[in-house]
Amino acid sequence: MKGTLRKEIKIGLAVRVVLKEDQRTGKLTEGIVRDILTNSPQHPHGIKVRLTNGLVGRVKEIIG
């Protein structure tokens, strides 16, 4: 699943995000959602979240 709709993202969900510093390469980082930072219902580049390890990125894939 893509991560462009806020309603699909829930706290505790396993996701793959692209971090700001990895946007050029597209490298994905796996983690668990701690906070949802995007307020709008959708975002074309992915919903911005904070993972449980403190990293912030945009959701590119929802795992499971």
N, C-alpha and C. Protein backbone atom coordinates (compact mmCIF):
# COMPACT_ATOMS: atom_id res chain seq x y z
N MET A 1 0.83 -1.19 0.00
CA MET A 1 0.00 0.00 0.00
C MET A 1 0.87 1.25 0.00
N LYS A 2 0.41 2.24 -0.66
CA LYS A 2 1.10 3.53 -0.67
C LYS A 2 0.76 4.28 0.62
N GLY A 3 1.56 5.26 0.97
CA GLY A 3 1.35 6.01 2.19
C GLY A 3 0.90 7.44 1.95
N THR A 4 0.07 7.66 0.93
CA THR A 4 -0.33 9.03 0.59
C THR A 4 -1.61 9.49 1.27
N LEU A 5 -2.37 8.58 1.88
CA LEU A 5 -3.61 8.94 2.55
C LEU A 5 -3.45 8.83 4.07
N ARG A 6 -3.76 9.92 4.76
CA ARG A 6 -3.58 9.97 6.21
C ARG A 6 -4.44 8.93 6.93
N LYS A 7 -5.65 8.66 6.41
CA LYS A 7 -6.56 7.73 7.08
C LYS A 7 -6.03 6.29 7.09
N GLU A 8 -5.06 5.97 6.21
CA GLU A 8 -4.49 4.63 6.16
C GLU A 8 -3.35 4.45 7.17
N ILE A 9 -2.83 5.55 7.71
CA ILE A 9 -1.70 5.51 8.63
C ILE A 9 -2.21 5.54 10.06
N LYS A 10 -1.79 4.56 10.85
CA LYS A 10 -2.18 4.48 12.26
C LYS A 10 -0.92 4.37 13.12
N ILE A 11 -1.01 4.89 14.33
CA ILE A 11 0.09 4.76 15.28
C ILE A 11 0.28 3.28 15.59
N GLY A 12 1.55 2.83 15.59
CA GLY A 12 1.86 1.43 15.84
C GLY A 12 1.98 0.60 14.57
N LEU A 13 1.72 1.22 13.42
CA LEU A 13 1.78 0.52 12.14
C LEU A 13 3.24 0.40 11.67
N ALA A 14 3.57 -0.74 11.09
CA ALA A 14 4.90 -0.94 10.50
C ALA A 14 4.91 -0.35 9.09
N VAL A 15 5.89 0.52 8.83
CA VAL A 15 5.96 1.22 7.54
C VAL A 15 7.40 1.30 7.05
N ARG A 16 7.54 1.64 5.78
CA ARG A 16 8.84 2.00 5.20
C ARG A 16 8.73 3.46 4.80
N VAL A 17 9.70 4.27 5.25
CA VAL A 17 9.70 5.70 4.97
C VAL A 17 10.98 6.09 4.24
N VAL A 18 10.92 7.22 3.55
CA VAL A 18 12.13 7.80 2.98
C VAL A 18 12.46 9.02 3.85
N LEU A 19 13.66 9.03 4.39
CA LEU A 19 14.12 10.14 5.22
C LEU A 19 14.53 11.31 4.34
N LYS A 20 14.56 12.51 4.90
CA LYS A 20 14.91 13.72 4.14
C LYS A 20 16.26 13.54 3.43
N GLU A 21 17.25 13.01 4.15
CA GLU A 21 18.59 12.87 3.57
C GLU A 21 18.66 11.75 2.53
N ASP A 22 17.65 10.90 2.46
CA ASP A 22 17.64 9.79 1.50
C ASP A 22 16.71 10.05 0.31
N GLN A 23 16.16 11.26 0.20
CA GLN A 23 15.20 11.53 -0.87
C GLN A 23 15.83 11.39 -2.25
N ARG A 24 17.09 11.77 -2.41
CA ARG A 24 17.74 11.67 -3.72
C ARG A 24 17.95 10.21 -4.14
N THR A 25 18.32 9.36 -3.18
CA THR A 25 18.60 7.96 -3.49
C THR A 25 17.34 7.10 -3.43
N GLY A 26 16.34 7.52 -2.65
CA GLY A 26 15.13 6.74 -2.50
C GLY A 26 15.26 5.59 -1.52
N LYS A 27 16.34 5.58 -0.73
CA LYS A 27 16.57 4.52 0.25
C LYS A 27 15.45 4.54 1.29
N LEU A 28 14.88 3.36 1.57
CA LEU A 28 13.77 3.26 2.51
C LEU A 28 14.26 2.77 3.88
N THR A 29 13.64 3.29 4.92
CA THR A 29 13.95 2.90 6.29
C THR A 29 12.68 2.33 6.90
N GLU A 30 12.81 1.17 7.54
CA GLU A 30 11.67 0.51 8.15
C GLU A 30 11.51 0.93 9.60
N GLY A 31 10.26 1.03 10.05
CA GLY A 31 10.03 1.38 11.44
C GLY A 31 8.56 1.32 11.81
N ILE A 32 8.29 1.68 13.06
CA ILE A 32 6.93 1.69 13.61
C ILE A 32 6.52 3.15 13.83
N VAL A 33 5.31 3.51 13.40
CA VAL A 33 4.82 4.89 13.52
C VAL A 33 4.58 5.24 14.99
N ARG A 34 5.20 6.35 15.44
CA ARG A 34 4.95 6.88 16.78
C ARG A 34 4.01 8.08 16.72
N ASP A 35 4.23 8.98 15.74
CA ASP A 35 3.40 10.18 15.59
C ASP A 35 3.14 10.41 14.11
N ILE A 36 1.96 10.95 13.80
CA ILE A 36 1.62 11.36 12.44
C ILE A 36 1.78 12.88 12.40
N LEU A 37 2.67 13.38 11.54
CA LEU A 37 3.01 14.80 11.52
C LEU A 37 2.25 15.60 10.45
N THR A 38 1.78 14.93 9.40
CA THR A 38 1.02 15.61 8.35
C THR A 38 -0.42 15.78 8.81
N ASN A 39 -0.94 17.01 8.71
CA ASN A 39 -2.32 17.27 9.13
C ASN A 39 -3.33 17.12 7.99
N SER A 40 -2.90 17.31 6.75
CA SER A 40 -3.84 17.23 5.63
C SER A 40 -4.24 15.77 5.38
N PRO A 41 -5.42 15.53 4.78
CA PRO A 41 -5.89 14.16 4.57
C PRO A 41 -5.06 13.35 3.58
N GLN A 42 -4.30 14.04 2.70
CA GLN A 42 -3.43 13.32 1.77
C GLN A 42 -2.24 14.19 1.40
N HIS A 43 -1.18 13.53 0.93
CA HIS A 43 0.01 14.25 0.47
C HIS A 43 0.63 13.42 -0.65
N PRO A 44 0.92 14.04 -1.80
CA PRO A 44 1.40 13.28 -2.96
C PRO A 44 2.75 12.59 -2.74
N HIS A 45 3.57 13.10 -1.82
CA HIS A 45 4.88 12.49 -1.57
C HIS A 45 4.88 11.55 -0.37
N GLY A 46 3.74 11.39 0.27
CA GLY A 46 3.63 10.51 1.42
C GLY A 46 3.37 11.29 2.69
N ILE A 47 2.68 10.66 3.63
CA ILE A 47 2.36 11.27 4.91
C ILE A 47 3.62 11.29 5.77
N LYS A 48 3.92 12.43 6.37
CA LYS A 48 5.12 12.56 7.20
C LYS A 48 4.83 12.01 8.59
N VAL A 49 5.71 11.11 9.06
CA VAL A 49 5.55 10.48 10.37
C VAL A 49 6.86 10.49 11.14
N ARG A 50 6.76 10.35 12.47
CA ARG A 50 7.92 10.12 13.32
C ARG A 50 7.86 8.66 13.74
N LEU A 51 8.97 7.96 13.58
CA LEU A 51 9.05 6.56 13.97
C LEU A 51 9.41 6.43 15.45
N THR A 52 9.26 5.23 15.99
CA THR A 52 9.55 5.01 17.41
C THR A 52 11.02 5.27 17.75
N ASN A 53 11.91 5.17 16.75
CA ASN A 53 13.33 5.45 16.99
C ASN A 53 13.67 6.94 16.85
N GLY A 54 12.64 7.79 16.60
CA GLY A 54 12.83 9.23 16.52
C GLY A 54 13.07 9.78 15.13
N LEU A 55 13.28 8.92 14.14
CA LEU A 55 13.51 9.39 12.77
C LEU A 55 12.20 9.88 12.16
N VAL A 56 12.31 10.90 11.29
CA VAL A 56 11.14 11.48 10.63
C VAL A 56 11.28 11.28 9.13
N GLY A 57 10.21 10.82 8.50
CA GLY A 57 10.23 10.63 7.06
C GLY A 57 8.83 10.52 6.51
N ARG A 58 8.76 10.39 5.18
CA ARG A 58 7.47 10.27 4.50
C ARG A 58 7.20 8.80 4.16
N VAL A 59 6.00 8.35 4.46
CA VAL A 59 5.63 6.95 4.26
C VAL A 59 5.57 6.64 2.76
N LYS A 60 6.30 5.63 2.35
CA LYS A 60 6.28 5.17 0.97
C LYS A 60 5.57 3.82 0.85
N GLU A 61 5.63 3.00 1.90
CA GLU A 61 4.98 1.69 1.88
C GLU A 61 4.45 1.37 3.28
N ILE A 62 3.28 0.73 3.30
CA ILE A 62 2.74 0.20 4.54
C ILE A 62 3.01 -1.30 4.52
N ILE A 63 3.64 -1.81 5.57
CA ILE A 63 4.02 -3.23 5.63
C ILE A 63 2.85 -4.03 6.19
N GLY A 64 2.54 -5.13 5.55
CA GLY A 64 1.48 -6.02 6.04
C GLY A 64 0.15 -5.51 5.65
